[in-house]
C-alpha atoms as a PDB file:
ATOM      1  CA  MET A   1     -56.358 -82.036  44.200  1.00  0.00           C
ATOM      2  CA  THR A   2     -57.532 -85.615  44.694  1.00  0.00           C
ATOM      3  CA  GLU A   3     -61.250 -86.354  44.408  1.00  0.00           C
ATOM      4  CA  LEU A   4     -62.953 -85.264  47.608  1.00  0.00           C
ATOM      5  CA  HIS A   5     -66.425 -85.861  48.976  1.00  0.00           C
ATOM      6  CA  LEU A   6     -66.963 -83.293  51.714  1.00  0.00           C
ATOM      7  CA  TRP A   7     -69.913 -83.731  54.098  1.00  0.00           C
ATOM      8  CA  LEU A   8     -70.839 -80.561  56.008  1.00  0.00           C
ATOM      9  CA  ARG A   9     -72.613 -81.740  59.150  1.00  0.00           C
ATOM     10  CA  HIS A  10     -75.150 -80.122  61.431  1.00  0.00           C
ATOM     11  CA  GLU A  11     -73.781 -78.990  64.810  1.00  0.00           C
ATOM     12  CA  VAL A  12     -75.405 -80.684  67.790  1.00  0.00           C
ATOM     13  CA  ARG A  13     -74.614 -77.819  70.146  1.00  0.00           C
ATOM     14  CA  THR A  14     -77.747 -75.673  70.085  1.00  0.00           C
ATOM     15  CA  THR A  15     -75.814 -72.405  70.475  1.00  0.00           C
ATOM     16  CA  GLU A  16     -73.459 -73.143  67.593  1.00  0.00           C
ATOM     17  CA  ARG A  17     -74.457 -71.037  64.598  1.00  0.00           C
ATOM     18  CA  ARG A  18     -71.106 -70.909  62.815  1.00  0.00           C
ATOM     19  CA  THR A  19     -70.068 -72.917  59.796  1.00  0.00           C
ATOM     20  CA  PRO A  20     -66.554 -73.832  58.635  1.00  0.00           C
ATOM     21  CA  ILE A  21     -67.494 -73.177  54.993  1.00  0.00           C
ATOM     22  CA  VAL A  22     -69.746 -70.335  53.870  1.00  0.00           C
ATOM     23  CA  PRO A  23     -71.831 -70.625  50.664  1.00  0.00           C
ATOM     24  CA  SER A  24     -69.545 -68.464  48.504  1.00  0.00           C
ATOM     25  CA  ASP A  25     -66.578 -70.704  49.343  1.00  0.00           C
ATOM     26  CA  ALA A  26     -68.745 -73.803  48.923  1.00  0.00           C
ATOM     27  CA  ARG A  27     -69.250 -72.653  45.332  1.00  0.00           C
ATOM     28  CA  ARG A  28     -65.474 -72.603  44.865  1.00  0.00           C
ATOM     29  CA  LEU A  29     -65.202 -76.149  46.159  1.00  0.00           C
ATOM     30  CA  VAL A  30     -67.877 -77.436  43.795  1.00  0.00           C
ATOM     31  CA  GLU A  31     -66.323 -75.591  40.862  1.00  0.00           C
ATOM     32  CA  ASN A  32     -63.060 -77.361  41.637  1.00  0.00           C
ATOM     33  CA  GLY A  33     -64.588 -80.827  41.551  1.00  0.00           C
ATOM     34  CA  VAL A  34     -65.462 -81.392  45.192  1.00  0.00           C
ATOM     35  CA  THR A  35     -68.630 -83.383  45.857  1.00  0.00           C
ATOM     36  CA  LEU A  36     -70.408 -81.400  48.561  1.00  0.00           C
ATOM     37  CA  THR A  37     -73.136 -82.786  50.795  1.00  0.00           C
ATOM     38  CA  VAL A  38     -74.736 -80.375  53.265  1.00  0.00           C
ATOM     39  CA  GLU A  39     -76.905 -81.379  56.200  1.00  0.00           C
ATOM     40  CA  GLU A  40     -79.968 -79.378  57.091  1.00  0.00           C
ATOM     41  CA  SER A  41     -79.349 -77.253  60.164  1.00  0.00           C
ATOM     42  CA  PRO A  42     -81.924 -74.849  61.610  1.00  0.00           C
ATOM     43  CA  GLN A  43     -79.362 -72.816  63.548  1.00  0.00           C
ATOM     44  CA  ARG A  44     -76.590 -72.453  60.944  1.00  0.00           C
ATOM     45  CA  ILE A  45     -76.158 -68.772  60.089  1.00  0.00           C
ATOM     46  CA  PHE A  46     -76.514 -69.513  56.360  1.00  0.00           C
ATOM     47  CA  SER A  47     -79.606 -71.336  55.090  1.00  0.00           C
ATOM     48  CA  VAL A  48     -79.226 -74.729  53.475  1.00  0.00           C
ATOM     49  CA  GLU A  49     -80.875 -73.324  50.340  1.00  0.00           C
ATOM     50  CA  ARG A  50     -77.838 -71.123  49.789  1.00  0.00           C
ATOM     51  CA  TYR A  51     -75.598 -74.187  49.707  1.00  0.00           C
ATOM     52  CA  GLU A  52     -78.009 -75.989  47.430  1.00  0.00           C
ATOM     53  CA  ALA A  53     -77.910 -73.017  45.040  1.00  0.00           C
ATOM     54  CA  VAL A  54     -74.146 -73.394  44.600  1.00  0.00           C
ATOM     55  CA  GLY A  55     -74.225 -77.136  43.958  1.00  0.00           C
ATOM     56  CA  GLY A  56     -74.463 -78.766  47.369  1.00  0.00           C
ATOM     57  CA  ARG A  57     -76.661 -81.819  47.877  1.00  0.00           C
ATOM     58  CA  VAL A  58     -78.968 -81.393  50.864  1.00  0.00           C
ATOM     59  CA  VAL A  59     -79.544 -84.247  53.325  1.00  0.00           C
ATOM     60  CA  PRO A  60     -81.163 -84.486  56.787  1.00  0.00           C
ATOM     61  CA  ALA A  61     -79.295 -83.405  59.902  1.00  0.00           C
ATOM     62  CA  GLY A  62     -77.191 -86.156  61.436  1.00  0.00           C
ATOM     63  CA  SER A  63     -77.128 -88.369  58.358  1.00  0.00           C
ATOM     64  CA  TRP A  64     -73.319 -88.353  58.236  1.00  0.00           C
ATOM     65  CA  THR A  65     -73.421 -91.585  60.215  1.00  0.00           C
ATOM     66  CA  SER A  66     -74.588 -93.390  57.060  1.00  0.00           C
ATOM     67  CA  ALA A  67     -72.400 -91.435  54.622  1.00  0.00           C
ATOM     68  CA  PRO A  68     -70.056 -93.339  52.283  1.00  0.00           C
ATOM     69  CA  THR A  69     -66.894 -94.353  54.087  1.00  0.00           C
ATOM     70  CA  ASP A  70     -64.723 -92.205  51.844  1.00  0.00           C
ATOM     71  CA  ALA A  71     -66.690 -89.031  52.698  1.00  0.00           C
ATOM     72  CA  VAL A  72     -64.824 -86.537  54.890  1.00  0.00           C
ATOM     73  CA  VAL A  73     -67.156 -85.150  57.554  1.00  0.00           C
ATOM     74  CA  LEU A  74     -66.602 -81.462  58.257  1.00  0.00           C
ATOM     75  CA  GLY A  75     -67.820 -79.658  61.365  1.00  0.00           C
ATOM     76  CA  LEU A  76     -66.637 -77.406  64.161  1.00  0.00           C
ATOM     77  CA  LYS A  77     -67.541 -78.615  67.625  1.00  0.00           C
ATOM     78  CA  GLU A  78     -68.234 -81.875  69.438  1.00  0.00           C
ATOM     79  CA  LEU A  79     -69.850 -84.952  67.931  1.00  0.00           C
ATOM     80  CA  PRO A  80     -72.952 -86.583  69.416  1.00  0.00           C
ATOM     81  CA  ASP A  81     -72.318 -89.556  71.732  1.00  0.00           C
ATOM     82  CA  GLU A  82     -73.447 -92.033  69.072  1.00  0.00           C
ATOM     83  CA  PRO A  83     -72.222 -93.937  67.165  1.00  0.00           C
ATOM     84  CA  THR A  84     -69.609 -95.418  69.462  1.00  0.00           C
ATOM     85  CA  GLU A  85     -67.454 -96.411  66.475  1.00  0.00           C
ATOM     86  CA  LEU A  86     -66.410 -93.650  64.070  1.00  0.00           C
ATOM     87  CA  ARG A  87     -65.468 -94.928  60.636  1.00  0.00           C
ATOM     88  CA  HIS A  88     -65.030 -91.650  58.739  1.00  0.00           C
ATOM     89  CA  ARG A  89     -62.331 -89.057  58.635  1.00  0.00           C
ATOM     90  CA  HIS A  90     -63.676 -86.092  60.604  1.00  0.00           C
ATOM     91  CA  ILE A  91     -62.463 -82.511  60.467  1.00  0.00           C
ATOM     92  CA  PHE A  92     -63.383 -80.474  63.577  1.00  0.00           C
ATOM     93  CA  PHE A  93     -62.022 -79.121  66.854  1.00  0.00           C
ATOM     94  CA  GLY A  94     -61.710 -82.299  68.924  1.00  0.00           C
ATOM     95  CA  HIS A  95     -60.052 -80.906  72.083  1.00  0.00           C
ATOM     96  CA  ALA A  96     -58.590 -84.341  72.762  1.00  0.00           C
ATOM     97  CA  TYR A  97     -54.807 -84.003  72.631  1.00  0.00           C
ATOM     98  CA  LYS A  98     -54.089 -82.434  76.018  1.00  0.00           C
ATOM     99  CA  ARG A  99     -55.338 -85.198  78.280  1.00  0.00           C
ATOM    100  CA  GLN A 100     -58.773 -83.593  78.627  1.00  0.00           C
ATOM    101  CA  PRO A 101     -61.220 -85.724  80.616  1.00  0.00           C
ATOM    102  CA  SER A 102     -63.096 -86.926  77.502  1.00  0.00           C
ATOM    103  CA  ALA A 103     -60.061 -87.419  75.271  1.00  0.00           C
ATOM    104  CA  ALA A 104     -59.689 -91.177  75.630  1.00  0.00           C
ATOM    105  CA  ASP A 105     -63.382 -91.782  74.962  1.00  0.00           C
ATOM    106  CA  LEU A 106     -63.396 -89.728  71.765  1.00  0.00           C
ATOM    107  CA  LEU A 107     -60.160 -91.111  70.361  1.00  0.00           C
ATOM    108  CA  GLY A 108     -61.241 -94.621  71.321  1.00  0.00           C
ATOM    109  CA  ARG A 109     -64.331 -94.214  69.149  1.00  0.00           C
ATOM    110  CA  PHE A 110     -62.108 -93.373  66.196  1.00  0.00           C
ATOM    111  CA  THR A 111     -59.760 -96.295  66.687  1.00  0.00           C
ATOM    112  CA  ALA A 112     -62.715 -98.658  67.190  1.00  0.00           C
ATOM    113  CA  GLY A 113     -64.239 -97.611  63.866  1.00  0.00           C
ATOM    114  CA  LYS A 114     -60.912 -97.177  62.031  1.00  0.00           C
ATOM    115  CA  GLY A 115     -61.720 -93.537  61.334  1.00  0.00           C
ATOM    116  CA  ALA A 116     -59.488 -90.538  61.998  1.00  0.00           C
ATOM    117  CA  LEU A 117     -59.665 -87.094  63.555  1.00  0.00           C
ATOM    118  CA  LEU A 118     -58.121 -84.280  61.544  1.00  0.00           C
ATOM    119  CA  ASP A 119     -58.188 -81.681  64.283  1.00  0.00           C
ATOM    120  CA  LEU A 120     -58.494 -78.108  63.014  1.00  0.00           C
ATOM    121  CA  GLU A 121     -56.431 -76.848  65.930  1.00  0.00           C
ATOM    122  CA  TYR A 122     -53.489 -78.833  64.540  1.00  0.00           C
ATOM    123  CA  LEU A 123     -53.900 -77.843  60.891  1.00  0.00           C
ATOM    124  CA  VAL A 124     -50.585 -75.983  60.757  1.00  0.00           C
ATOM    125  CA  ASP A 125     -47.887 -74.996  58.312  1.00  0.00           C
ATOM    126  CA  ASP A 126     -44.354 -76.351  58.519  1.00  0.00           C
ATOM    127  CA  THR A 127     -43.452 -73.750  61.150  1.00  0.00           C
ATOM    128  CA  GLY A 128     -46.343 -74.784  63.412  1.00  0.00           C
ATOM    129  CA  ARG A 129     -48.527 -71.760  62.650  1.00  0.00           C
ATOM    130  CA  ARG A 130     -52.243 -72.492  62.495  1.00  0.00           C
ATOM    131  CA  LEU A 131     -53.739 -72.136  59.037  1.00  0.00           C
ATOM    132  CA  ALA A 132     -57.378 -71.540  59.999  1.00  0.00           C
ATOM    133  CA  ALA A 133     -58.541 -70.194  63.338  1.00  0.00           C
ATOM    134  CA  PHE A 134     -61.335 -68.301  65.056  1.00  0.00           C
ATOM    135  CA  GLY A 135     -58.879 -66.717  67.461  1.00  0.00           C
ATOM    136  CA  PHE A 136     -59.399 -63.067  66.583  1.00  0.00           C
ATOM    137  CA  TRP A 137     -63.153 -63.239  67.121  1.00  0.00           C
ATOM    138  CA  ALA A 138     -62.791 -65.333  70.275  1.00  0.00           C
ATOM    139  CA  GLY A 139     -60.552 -62.669  71.752  1.00  0.00           C
ATOM    140  CA  TYR A 140     -62.778 -59.855  70.526  1.00  0.00           C
ATOM    141  CA  LEU A 141     -65.903 -61.336  72.077  1.00  0.00           C
ATOM    142  CA  GLY A 142     -64.165 -62.398  75.276  1.00  0.00           C
ATOM    143  CA  ALA A 143     -62.945 -58.867  75.902  1.00  0.00           C
ATOM    144  CA  ALA A 144     -66.301 -57.387  74.854  1.00  0.00           C
ATOM    145  CA  LEU A 145     -68.227 -59.540  77.322  1.00  0.00           C
ATOM    146  CA  ALA A 146     -65.712 -58.716  80.050  1.00  0.00           C
ATOM    147  CA  VAL A 147     -66.247 -54.994  79.447  1.00  0.00           C
ATOM    148  CA  LEU A 148     -70.027 -55.353  79.525  1.00  0.00           C
ATOM    149  CA  GLN A 149     -69.878 -57.426  82.707  1.00  0.00           C
ATOM    150  CA  HIS A 150     -67.545 -54.976  84.412  1.00  0.00           C
ATOM    151  CA  ARG A 151     -69.803 -52.062  83.487  1.00  0.00           C
ATOM    152  CA  GLY A 152     -72.912 -53.920  84.629  1.00  0.00           C
ATOM    153  CA  ARG A 153     -74.379 -54.132  81.136  1.00  0.00           C
ATOM    154  CA  LEU A 154     -74.019 -57.814  80.292  1.00  0.00           C
ATOM    155  CA  VAL A 155     -77.479 -59.210  79.516  1.00  0.00           C
ATOM    156  CA  ALA A 156     -78.252 -62.925  79.827  1.00  0.00           C
ATOM    157  CA  PRO A 157     -78.999 -65.084  78.040  1.00  0.00           C
ATOM    158  CA  LEU A 158     -76.573 -64.118  75.306  1.00  0.00           C
ATOM    159  CA  THR A 159     -77.868 -64.003  71.744  1.00  0.00           C
ATOM    160  CA  PRO A 160     -75.954 -63.871  68.443  1.00  0.00           C
ATOM    161  CA  THR A 161     -75.534 -60.436  66.938  1.00  0.00           C
ATOM    162  CA  ASP A 162     -73.372 -58.584  64.424  1.00  0.00           C
ATOM    163  CA  LYS A 163     -70.269 -56.517  65.009  1.00  0.00           C
ATOM    164  CA  ASP A 164     -71.872 -53.105  64.477  1.00  0.00           C
ATOM    165  CA  ALA A 165     -74.560 -53.820  67.066  1.00  0.00           C
ATOM    166  CA  LEU A 166     -72.022 -55.204  69.542  1.00  0.00           C
ATOM    167  CA  ASP A 167     -69.724 -52.220  69.112  1.00  0.00           C
ATOM    168  CA  ARG A 168     -72.545 -49.831  69.923  1.00  0.00           C
ATOM    169  CA  THR A 169     -72.947 -51.504  73.322  1.00  0.00           C
ATOM    170  CA  LEU A 170     -69.202 -51.349  73.960  1.00  0.00           C
ATOM    171  CA  ARG A 171     -68.682 -47.641  73.546  1.00  0.00           C
ATOM    172  CA  PRO A 172     -68.498 -45.785  76.855  1.00  0.00           C
ATOM    173  CA  VAL A 173     -71.392 -43.585  77.956  1.00  0.00           C
ATOM    174  CA  ALA A 174     -71.674 -40.828  80.515  1.00  0.00           C
ATOM    175  CA  GLY A 175     -71.209 -42.186  84.013  1.00  0.00           C
ATOM    176  CA  ASP A 176     -68.981 -45.127  83.053  1.00  0.00           C
ATOM    177  CA  GLU A 177     -66.011 -45.329  85.384  1.00  0.00           C
ATOM    178  CA  GLU A 178     -62.550 -45.831  83.960  1.00  0.00           C
ATOM    179  CA  PHE A 179     -60.901 -49.184  84.597  1.00  0.00           C
ATOM    180  CA  THR A 180     -57.646 -50.939  83.803  1.00  0.00           C
ATOM    181  CA  ALA A 181     -57.426 -54.063  81.673  1.00  0.00           C
ATOM    182  CA  LEU A 182     -54.731 -56.665  81.067  1.00  0.00           C
ATOM    183  CA  VAL A 183     -54.512 -58.946  78.021  1.00  0.00           C
ATOM    184  CA  ILE A 184     -52.218 -61.951  78.419  1.00  0.00           C
ATOM    185  CA  GLY A 185     -51.186 -63.503  75.127  1.00  0.00           C
ATOM    186  CA  ALA A 186     -51.561 -60.084  73.536  1.00  0.00           C
ATOM    187  CA  LEU A 187     -49.487 -60.814  70.429  1.00  0.00           C
ATOM    188  CA  GLY A 188     -51.515 -63.811  69.227  1.00  0.00           C
ATOM    189  CA  ARG A 189     -54.715 -63.859  67.203  1.00  0.00           C
ATOM    190  CA  SER A 190     -56.990 -63.926  70.250  1.00  0.00           C
ATOM    191  CA  GLY A 191     -54.939 -61.312  72.029  1.00  0.00           C
ATOM    192  CA  ARG A 192     -55.124 -59.012  69.039  1.00  0.00           C
ATOM    193  CA  GLY A 193     -58.911 -59.386  68.947  1.00  0.00           C
ATOM    194  CA  ALA A 194     -59.131 -58.615  72.663  1.00  0.00           C
ATOM    195  CA  ARG A 195     -57.020 -55.484  72.242  1.00  0.00           C
ATOM    196  CA  VAL A 196     -59.228 -54.220  69.396  1.00  0.00           C
ATOM    197  CA  ALA A 197     -62.414 -54.750  71.436  1.00  0.00           C
ATOM    198  CA  LEU A 198     -60.999 -53.001  74.497  1.00  0.00           C
ATOM    199  CA  ARG A 199     -59.958 -50.016  72.431  1.00  0.00           C
ATOM    200  CA  GLU A 200     -63.457 -49.928  70.928  1.00  0.00           C
ATOM    201  CA  ALA A 201     -64.650 -49.700  74.547  1.00  0.00           C
ATOM    202  CA  GLY A 202     -62.313 -46.778  75.217  1.00  0.00           C
ATOM    203  CA  VAL A 203     -59.749 -48.764  77.209  1.00  0.00           C
ATOM    204  CA  GLU A 204     -56.044 -48.957  76.360  1.00  0.00           C
ATOM    205  CA  PRO A 205     -55.008 -52.356  77.764  1.00  0.00           C
ATOM    206  CA  THR A 206     -51.775 -53.497  79.304  1.00  0.00           C
ATOM    207  CA  CYS A 207     -50.350 -56.111  76.941  1.00  0.00           C
ATOM    208  CA  TRP A 208     -48.347 -59.119  78.133  1.00  0.00           C
ATOM    209  CA  ASP A 209     -46.950 -61.967  76.103  1.00  0.00           C
ATOM    210  CA  LEU A 210     -44.110 -64.471  76.475  1.00  0.00           C
ATOM    211  CA  GLU A 211     -41.576 -61.951  77.722  1.00  0.00           C
ATOM    212  CA  GLU A 212     -43.840 -60.577  80.456  1.00  0.00           C
ATOM    213  CA  THR A 213     -45.082 -63.984  81.647  1.00  0.00           C
ATOM    214  CA  ARG A 214     -41.697 -65.697  81.759  1.00  0.00           C
ATOM    215  CA  ASP A 215     -41.167 -64.223  85.232  1.00  0.00           C
ATOM    216  CA  LEU A 216     -44.729 -63.349  86.185  1.00  0.00           C
ATOM    217  CA  ASP A 217     -45.304 -60.174  88.209  1.00  0.00           C
ATOM    218  CA  ARG A 218     -48.293 -61.462  90.147  1.00  0.00           C
ATOM    219  CA  PRO A 219     -48.983 -58.245  92.130  1.00  0.00           C
ATOM    220  CA  ALA A 220     -49.053 -56.310  88.840  1.00  0.00           C
ATOM    221  CA  LEU A 221     -51.513 -58.809  87.383  1.00  0.00           C
ATOM    222  CA  LEU A 222     -53.814 -58.546  90.397  1.00  0.00           C
ATOM    223  CA  ALA A 223     -53.656 -54.735  90.240  1.00  0.00           C
ATOM    224  CA  HIS A 224     -55.744 -54.677  87.033  1.00  0.00           C
ATOM    225  CA  ASP A 225     -59.537 -54.458  87.159  1.00  0.00           C
ATOM    226  CA  VAL A 226     -60.171 -56.710  84.151  1.00  0.00           C
ATOM    227  CA  MET A 227     -58.065 -59.542  82.770  1.00  0.00           C
ATOM    228  CA  VAL A 228     -58.459 -61.410  79.474  1.00  0.00           C
ATOM    229  CA  ASN A 229     -56.478 -64.625  79.081  1.00  0.00           C
ATOM    230  CA  ALA A 230     -55.729 -65.445  75.458  1.00  0.00           C
ATOM    231  CA  VAL A 231     -52.866 -67.894  76.034  1.00  0.00           C
ATOM    232  CA  LEU A 232     -53.189 -71.401  74.628  1.00  0.00           C
ATOM    233  CA  ALA A 233     -50.432 -73.276  76.460  1.00  0.00           C
ATOM    234  CA  THR A 234     -48.806 -76.203  74.663  1.00  0.00           C
ATOM    235  CA  THR A 235     -46.290 -77.015  77.394  1.00  0.00           C
ATOM    236  CA  PRO A 236     -46.654 -76.787  81.182  1.00  0.00           C
ATOM    237  CA  VAL A 237     -46.205 -73.258  82.567  1.00  0.00           C
ATOM    238  CA  PRO A 238     -46.767 -71.854  86.056  1.00  0.00           C
ATOM    239  CA  PRO A 239     -50.411 -70.798  86.470  1.00  0.00           C
ATOM    240  CA  PHE A 240     -51.261 -67.138  86.037  1.00  0.00           C
ATOM    241  CA  LEU A 241     -53.802 -67.279  88.869  1.00  0.00           C
ATOM    242  CA  ARG A 242     -53.855 -69.578  91.896  1.00  0.00           C
ATOM    243  CA  ASP A 243     -56.506 -70.077  94.544  1.00  0.00           C
ATOM    244  CA  ALA A 244     -54.325 -68.161  97.001  1.00  0.00           C
ATOM    245  CA  ASP A 245     -54.353 -65.133  94.683  1.00  0.00           C
ATOM    246  CA  LEU A 246     -58.128 -64.926  94.860  1.00  0.00           C
ATOM    247  CA  ASP A 247     -57.905 -64.330  98.592  1.00  0.00           C
ATOM    248  CA  ALA A 248     -55.269 -61.601  98.315  1.00  0.00           C
ATOM    249  CA  PRO A 249     -56.637 -58.520 100.148  1.00  0.00           C
ATOM    250  CA  ALA A 250     -54.925 -56.168  97.685  1.00  0.00           C
ATOM    251  CA  ARG A 251     -56.513 -57.810  94.626  1.00  0.00           C
ATOM    252  CA  ARG A 252     -58.173 -55.250  92.358  1.00  0.00           C
ATOM    253  CA  LEU A 253     -59.061 -57.837  89.746  1.00  0.00           C
ATOM    254  CA  ARG A 254     -62.858 -58.003  89.490  1.00  0.00           C
ATOM    255  CA  THR A 255     -63.577 -59.491  86.058  1.00  0.00           C
ATOM    256  CA  LEU A 256     -61.736 -62.429  84.504  1.00  0.00           C
ATOM    257  CA  CYS A 257     -62.368 -63.733  80.992  1.00  0.00           C
ATOM    258  CA  ASP A 258     -60.667 -66.968  79.991  1.00  0.00           C
ATOM    259  CA  VAL A 259     -60.862 -67.097  76.198  1.00  0.00           C
ATOM    260  CA  THR A 260     -58.891 -70.346  76.088  1.00  0.00           C
ATOM    261  CA  CYS A 261     -61.207 -72.379  78.374  1.00  0.00           C
ATOM    262  CA  ASP A 262     -58.638 -75.122  78.972  1.00  0.00           C
ATOM    263  CA  VAL A 263     -60.442 -76.284  82.113  1.00  0.00           C
ATOM    264  CA  GLY A 264     -59.675 -79.903  82.941  1.00  0.00           C
ATOM    265  CA  SER A 265     -56.359 -79.917  81.119  1.00  0.00           C
ATOM    266  CA  PRO A 266     -53.062 -80.155  83.026  1.00  0.00           C
ATOM    267  CA  LEU A 267     -51.882 -77.277  80.817  1.00  0.00           C
ATOM    268  CA  ASN A 268     -54.587 -74.936  82.158  1.00  0.00           C
ATOM    269  CA  VAL A 269     -52.999 -71.622  83.160  1.00  0.00           C
ATOM    270  CA  LEU A 270     -56.078 -70.593  85.203  1.00  0.00           C
ATOM    271  CA  PRO A 271     -56.757 -73.537  87.541  1.00  0.00           C
ATOM    272  CA  VAL A 272     -59.062 -71.432  89.733  1.00  0.00           C
ATOM    273  CA  TYR A 273     -62.323 -72.781  88.294  1.00  0.00           C
ATOM    274  CA  ASP A 274     -63.626 -76.214  87.391  1.00  0.00           C
ATOM    275  CA  ARG A 275     -66.464 -75.543  84.958  1.00  0.00           C
ATOM    276  CA  THR A 276     -67.094 -73.163  82.112  1.00  0.00           C
ATOM    277  CA  THR A 277     -69.898 -70.652  81.776  1.00  0.00           C
ATOM    278  CA  ASP A 278     -72.385 -70.571  78.917  1.00  0.00           C
ATOM    279  CA  TRP A 279     -74.872 -68.404  77.034  1.00  0.00           C
ATOM    280  CA  GLN A 280     -77.517 -68.835  79.726  1.00  0.00           C
ATOM    281  CA  GLU A 281     -75.088 -67.963  82.532  1.00  0.00           C
ATOM    282  CA  PRO A 282     -72.245 -66.081  80.847  1.00  0.00           C
ATOM    283  CA  ALA A 283     -70.680 -64.826  84.080  1.00  0.00           C
ATOM    284  CA  ARG A 284     -70.278 -66.629  87.374  1.00  0.00           C
ATOM    285  CA  ARG A 285     -68.972 -65.257  90.652  1.00  0.00           C
ATOM    286  CA  LEU A 286     -65.807 -67.000  91.796  1.00  0.00           C
ATOM    287  CA  CYS A 287     -65.291 -64.919  94.938  1.00  0.00           C
ATOM    288  CA  GLU A 288     -67.544 -62.726  97.019  1.00  0.00           C
ATOM    289  CA  GLU A 289     -64.984 -60.687  98.922  1.00  0.00           C
ATOM    290  CA  PRO A 290     -63.422 -59.019  97.135  1.00  0.00           C
ATOM    291  CA  PRO A 291     -65.760 -59.964  94.260  1.00  0.00           C
ATOM    292  CA  LEU A 292     -64.434 -61.677  91.144  1.00  0.00           C
ATOM    293  CA  ASP A 293     -66.593 -62.648  88.174  1.00  0.00           C
ATOM    294  CA  LEU A 294     -65.575 -65.282  85.623  1.00  0.00           C
ATOM    295  CA  ILE A 295     -66.477 -65.529  81.931  1.00  0.00           C
ATOM    296  CA  ALA A 296     -65.354 -68.782  80.289  1.00  0.00           C
ATOM    297  CA  ILE A 297     -67.442 -69.634  77.238  1.00  0.00           C
ATOM    298  CA  GLY A 298     -66.178 -72.305  74.861  1.00  0.00           C
ATOM    299  CA  ASN A 299     -67.782 -71.032  71.642  1.00  0.00           C
ATOM    300  CA  LEU A 300     -67.446 -67.264  71.866  1.00  0.00           C
ATOM    301  CA  PRO A 301     -67.128 -66.639  68.102  1.00  0.00           C
ATOM    302  CA  SER A 302     -70.585 -68.124  67.567  1.00  0.00           C
ATOM    303  CA  LEU A 303     -71.970 -64.887  69.009  1.00  0.00           C
ATOM    304  CA  LEU A 304     -70.778 -63.192  65.806  1.00  0.00           C
ATOM    305  CA  PRO A 305     -71.526 -66.141  63.518  1.00  0.00           C
ATOM    306  CA  LYS A 306     -71.462 -64.398  60.152  1.00  0.00           C
ATOM    307  CA  GLU A 307     -68.203 -62.504  60.646  1.00  0.00           C
ATOM    308  CA  ALA A 308     -66.454 -65.420  62.330  1.00  0.00           C
ATOM    309  CA  SER A 309     -67.594 -67.972  59.737  1.00  0.00           C
ATOM    310  CA  THR A 310     -66.631 -65.782  56.790  1.00  0.00           C
ATOM    311  CA  ASP A 311     -63.081 -65.227  58.048  1.00  0.00           C
ATOM    312  CA  PHE A 312     -62.556 -68.863  59.014  1.00  0.00           C
ATOM    313  CA  SER A 313     -63.940 -70.177  55.735  1.00  0.00           C
ATOM    314  CA  ALA A 314     -61.631 -67.930  53.721  1.00  0.00           C
ATOM    315  CA  ALA A 315     -58.642 -69.429  55.527  1.00  0.00           C
ATOM    316  CA  LEU A 316     -59.865 -73.027  55.339  1.00  0.00           C
ATOM    317  CA  LEU A 317     -60.859 -72.986  51.666  1.00  0.00           C
ATOM    318  CA  PRO A 318     -57.340 -73.237  50.186  1.00  0.00           C
ATOM    319  CA  GLN A 319     -56.529 -76.068  52.580  1.00  0.00           C
ATOM    320  CA  LEU A 320     -59.605 -78.016  51.451  1.00  0.00           C
ATOM    321  CA  LEU A 321     -58.705 -77.391  47.812  1.00  0.00           C
ATOM    322  CA  ASP A 322     -55.358 -79.023  48.592  1.00  0.00           C
ATOM    323  CA  PHE A 323     -56.809 -81.837  50.698  1.00  0.00           C
ATOM    324  CA  GLU A 324     -54.447 -84.854  50.824  1.00  0.00           C
ATOM    325  CA  VAL A 325     -51.992 -82.863  48.719  1.00  0.00           C
ATOM    326  CA  SER A 326     -50.605 -80.368  51.225  1.00  0.00           C
ATOM    327  CA  GLY A 327     -48.434 -81.512  54.096  1.00  0.00           C
ATOM    328  CA  ALA A 328     -50.736 -79.805  56.586  1.00  0.00           C
ATOM    329  CA  TRP A 329     -53.294 -82.619  56.454  1.00  0.00           C
ATOM    330  CA  GLY A 330     -50.549 -85.200  56.843  1.00  0.00           C
ATOM    331  CA  ARG A 331     -49.392 -83.410  59.975  1.00  0.00           C
ATOM    332  CA  CYS A 332     -52.984 -83.515  61.283  1.00  0.00           C
ATOM    333  CA  LEU A 333     -53.121 -87.266  60.758  1.00  0.00           C
ATOM    334  CA  ASP A 334     -49.703 -87.781  62.363  1.00  0.00           C
ATOM    335  CA  ARG A 335     -50.833 -85.831  65.432  1.00  0.00           C
ATOM    336  CA  PHE A 336     -53.942 -87.989  65.695  1.00  0.00           C
ATOM    337  CA  HIS A 337     -51.882 -91.169  65.603  1.00  0.00           C
ATOM    338  CA  GLN A 338     -49.466 -89.748  68.174  1.00  0.00           C
ATOM    339  CA  ALA A 339     -52.303 -88.910  70.554  1.00  0.00           C
ATOM    340  CA  CYS A 340     -53.784 -92.408  70.163  1.00  0.00           C
ATOM    341  CA  ARG A 341     -50.425 -94.010  70.881  1.00  0.00           C
ATOM    342  CA  GLU A 342     -49.959 -91.872  73.981  1.00  0.00           C
ATOM    343  CA  LEU A 343     -53.276 -93.238  75.300  1.00  0.00           C
ATOM    344  CA  GLY A 344     -52.420 -96.813  74.344  1.00  0.00           C
ATOM    345  CA  LEU A 345     -55.129 -96.963  71.699  1.00  0.00           C
ATOM    346  CA  LEU A 346     -52.804 -97.958  68.849  1.00  0.00           C
END
C-alpha cells in the first residue's frame, strides 16, 4: 500500500458511540505502516488509551482541522459546520449524493477547500456491492425498536446496550398479543438483520423484496401490524406509503420503522413524514385514528456500538490496507466528482 496517514476523528453527534476502526484493527494498520492519529472522544465505545496502546498518536477532539493536508480524516457521521472550506480527504457517510437538502452546502465546502469526500456508502466493488456497511445492525435495531414500541415496552430516552441485554427485552412474555410484521427489502443486509430480530421476538415476518414491490399490493401492506422498511432506493420508485394510505379505514398498520431514513430525498419511498425521530423521542405518532407510530432514527447501530463497530471495522480494514491501490477508492472519488458536477460545483 502507499504511505497513509489516517486521522480518526471525534464524532460531533453526541449519541454517536461507534467507531469505523476498533483498536485490534488499528493495531493491524500500524503494523502495516499506517501513521495513525486518534482524537480524544468521551463517547467512543473504545477508550483512546486502547488506541494509544497499539501505536496511535492521541490528539484533542476536533484537531483534524489543523492536520497535515495529506492526512485522510476518517469518521462516520456528519462534520461540524466549521470550517467552511474542507481541504482534506474525508472518509465518512456524507448523505449528499441524492439531492438531500444539505448536499450542496457540504459538497461546496469540499470544492472550496480542494478536499474530497470518499463516501463510505459508495465504497463498492466492481459489481456495485458495498464493501463495508452497518446494514445488518441497522435492520436489527430498527425491527427491535418496532417490536418494543408495538408491545408498549419502548423506553425513552434510548441508551446504548449490548445484544444479549437487548434480546432479553425482545423475547415475548405472558400476555403479549401476537402481531404480523412485514419487512420490505428483506434480502439485503438491513432486511436480514430485521428478520433475525423479529424471529428473536417470536414473530415470523412476511418478507418482500424487488419481486414483491415491483407491482405493490398496497392492501396487503396495510394489513400488517408492523412494517420495517429496509430499502435504500437508488432510482425513483413509487412510494410504499402515501398520505392517502394513512387515512385508509381498513389499515391495520400501527407501527412503522424506516431504517433507511431517506427523508428529504426525492428517492424517499416513505414520503409520509418530514422529520426523523431520535434517541430522546424514538417514536412519534403520525396518525391518531387509526393510530400509527413512526420510528426513523438515523444512527440506529450506535445503540449496539461494540457489535456494530467490530463488524464494520473488520470489513473496512482490508480496504484501508489497500488505500489508493484498490479500485474501490477510485470509484468513491469518481462518484464525488460526479455529484459535484451535477450541482455545478466543478
